[in-house]
């Protein structure tokens, strides 16, 4: 089975750029669910290693907007918003 990824870029509220790889179907669907996978690359705000891997379990037919889902994950990991209040400034 081949795992296919799409790639896109996001700019965090602090101005840092983050490359994202997203796989809509990682592995085999089981029990009416599927696993989706995100990789966050070259982003120090997410991880000191500039790499973070996140998996999520969703319904087999659930529609996912990868960019919005990635933004939610980033905000939950870092506390950095993409717009609106509480936008942090880049420190370096």
C-alpha atoms as a PDB file:
ATOM      1  CA  UNK A   1       0.000   0.000   0.000  1.00  0.00           C
ATOM      2  CA  UNK A   2       1.333   3.405  -0.993  1.00  0.00           C
ATOM      3  CA  UNK A   3       0.959   6.336   1.396  1.00  0.00           C
ATOM      4  CA  UNK A   4       0.347   9.626  -0.433  1.00  0.00           C
ATOM      5  CA  UNK A   5       1.128  12.998   1.109  1.00  0.00           C
ATOM      6  CA  UNK A   6       0.198  16.518   0.100  1.00  0.00           C
ATOM      7  CA  UNK A   7       2.460  19.434   1.049  1.00  0.00           C
ATOM      8  CA  UNK A   8       1.597  23.004   1.960  1.00  0.00           C
ATOM      9  CA  UNK A   9       3.041  25.931   3.931  1.00  0.00           C
ATOM     10  CA  UNK A  10       1.572  27.872   6.834  1.00  0.00           C
ATOM     11  CA  UNK A  11       2.741  31.097   8.462  1.00  0.00           C
ATOM     12  CA  UNK A  12       2.279  31.175  12.223  1.00  0.00           C
ATOM     13  CA  UNK A  13       1.050  34.261  14.057  1.00  0.00           C
ATOM     14  CA  UNK A  14       4.638  34.994  15.121  1.00  0.00           C
ATOM     15  CA  UNK A  15       5.754  35.132  11.460  1.00  0.00           C
ATOM     16  CA  UNK A  16       7.531  31.772  11.414  1.00  0.00           C
ATOM     17  CA  UNK A  17       6.983  29.633   8.316  1.00  0.00           C
ATOM     18  CA  UNK A  18       6.098  25.969   8.712  1.00  0.00           C
ATOM     19  CA  UNK A  19       6.100  23.273   6.046  1.00  0.00           C
ATOM     20  CA  UNK A  20       3.339  20.699   6.482  1.00  0.00           C
ATOM     21  CA  UNK A  21       2.941  17.246   4.972  1.00  0.00           C
ATOM     22  CA  UNK A  22      -0.501  15.636   5.248  1.00  0.00           C
ATOM     23  CA  UNK A  23      -1.634  12.078   4.563  1.00  0.00           C
ATOM     24  CA  UNK A  24      -5.417  11.551   4.373  1.00  0.00           C
ATOM     25  CA  UNK A  25      -5.207   7.786   4.822  1.00  0.00           C
ATOM     26  CA  UNK A  26      -2.257   6.438   6.780  1.00  0.00           C
ATOM     27  CA  UNK A  27      -2.361   2.668   7.154  1.00  0.00           C
ATOM     28  CA  UNK A  28      -5.509   0.565   6.961  1.00  0.00           C
ATOM     29  CA  UNK A  29      -9.014   1.707   7.972  1.00  0.00           C
ATOM     30  CA  UNK A  30     -10.356  -0.253  10.932  1.00  0.00           C
ATOM     31  CA  UNK A  31     -13.692  -0.262  12.743  1.00  0.00           C
ATOM     32  CA  UNK A  32     -15.135   2.581  10.653  1.00  0.00           C
ATOM     33  CA  UNK A  33     -12.176   4.861  11.348  1.00  0.00           C
ATOM     34  CA  UNK A  34      -9.084   5.957   9.472  1.00  0.00           C
ATOM     35  CA  UNK A  35      -5.794   7.444  10.619  1.00  0.00           C
ATOM     36  CA  UNK A  36      -4.613  10.769   9.230  1.00  0.00           C
ATOM     37  CA  UNK A  37      -1.023  11.957   9.618  1.00  0.00           C
ATOM     38  CA  UNK A  38       0.586  15.392   9.792  1.00  0.00           C
ATOM     39  CA  UNK A  39       4.285  16.189   9.671  1.00  0.00           C
ATOM     40  CA  UNK A  40       5.426  19.675  10.641  1.00  0.00           C
ATOM     41  CA  UNK A  41       8.854  20.560   9.251  1.00  0.00           C
ATOM     42  CA  UNK A  42      11.378  23.395   9.706  1.00  0.00           C
ATOM     43  CA  UNK A  43       9.392  25.056  12.482  1.00  0.00           C
ATOM     44  CA  UNK A  44      11.229  25.803  15.722  1.00  0.00           C
ATOM     45  CA  UNK A  45       8.035  27.044  17.425  1.00  0.00           C
ATOM     46  CA  UNK A  46       6.533  23.548  17.192  1.00  0.00           C
ATOM     47  CA  UNK A  47       9.612  21.601  18.234  1.00  0.00           C
ATOM     48  CA  UNK A  48      13.267  22.353  19.042  1.00  0.00           C
ATOM     49  CA  UNK A  49      14.158  19.645  16.504  1.00  0.00           C
ATOM     50  CA  UNK A  50      12.086  21.493  13.868  1.00  0.00           C
ATOM     51  CA  UNK A  51      10.063  18.298  13.292  1.00  0.00           C
ATOM     52  CA  UNK A  52       6.796  17.072  14.795  1.00  0.00           C
ATOM     53  CA  UNK A  53       4.628  14.146  13.749  1.00  0.00           C
ATOM     54  CA  UNK A  54       0.945  13.982  14.744  1.00  0.00           C
ATOM     55  CA  UNK A  55      -1.652  11.283  14.093  1.00  0.00           C
ATOM     56  CA  UNK A  56      -5.420  11.665  14.416  1.00  0.00           C
ATOM     57  CA  UNK A  57      -8.201   9.080  14.226  1.00  0.00           C
ATOM     58  CA  UNK A  58     -11.256  10.241  12.251  1.00  0.00           C
ATOM     59  CA  UNK A  59     -14.338   8.636  10.741  1.00  0.00           C
ATOM     60  CA  UNK A  60     -13.705   6.712   7.545  1.00  0.00           C
ATOM     61  CA  UNK A  61     -15.916   9.133   5.537  1.00  0.00           C
ATOM     62  CA  UNK A  62     -15.207  12.273   7.565  1.00  0.00           C
ATOM     63  CA  UNK A  63     -14.208  15.270   5.432  1.00  0.00           C
ATOM     64  CA  UNK A  64     -11.027  16.951   6.642  1.00  0.00           C
ATOM     65  CA  UNK A  65      -9.707  20.356   5.626  1.00  0.00           C
ATOM     66  CA  UNK A  66      -5.957  19.689   6.054  1.00  0.00           C
ATOM     67  CA  UNK A  67      -4.950  23.346   6.422  1.00  0.00           C
ATOM     68  CA  UNK A  68      -7.552  24.095   9.077  1.00  0.00           C
ATOM     69  CA  UNK A  69      -6.775  20.858  10.936  1.00  0.00           C
ATOM     70  CA  UNK A  70      -3.041  21.653  10.838  1.00  0.00           C
ATOM     71  CA  UNK A  71      -3.732  25.149  12.212  1.00  0.00           C
ATOM     72  CA  UNK A  72      -5.727  23.669  15.095  1.00  0.00           C
ATOM     73  CA  UNK A  73      -2.930  21.230  15.911  1.00  0.00           C
ATOM     74  CA  UNK A  74      -0.295  23.992  15.799  1.00  0.00           C
ATOM     75  CA  UNK A  75      -2.378  26.258  18.031  1.00  0.00           C
ATOM     76  CA  UNK A  76      -2.923  23.440  20.549  1.00  0.00           C
ATOM     77  CA  UNK A  77       0.808  22.560  20.586  1.00  0.00           C
ATOM     78  CA  UNK A  78       2.217  26.087  20.722  1.00  0.00           C
ATOM     79  CA  UNK A  79      -0.525  28.449  21.880  1.00  0.00           C
ATOM     80  CA  UNK A  80       0.378  30.665  18.900  1.00  0.00           C
ATOM     81  CA  UNK A  81      -2.717  31.931  17.090  1.00  0.00           C
ATOM     82  CA  UNK A  82      -2.840  32.451  13.339  1.00  0.00           C
ATOM     83  CA  UNK A  83      -4.826  35.682  13.529  1.00  0.00           C
ATOM     84  CA  UNK A  84      -6.834  37.808  15.902  1.00  0.00           C
ATOM     85  CA  UNK A  85      -5.856  38.440  19.497  1.00  0.00           C
ATOM     86  CA  UNK A  86      -2.848  37.067  21.248  1.00  0.00           C
ATOM     87  CA  UNK A  87      -0.574  37.038  18.200  1.00  0.00           C
ATOM     88  CA  UNK A  88       2.978  36.646  19.460  1.00  0.00           C
ATOM     89  CA  UNK A  89       5.972  38.373  18.022  1.00  0.00           C
ATOM     90  CA  UNK A  90       8.923  36.363  16.770  1.00  0.00           C
ATOM     91  CA  UNK A  91      11.742  36.631  19.335  1.00  0.00           C
ATOM     92  CA  UNK A  92      14.681  35.977  17.033  1.00  0.00           C
END
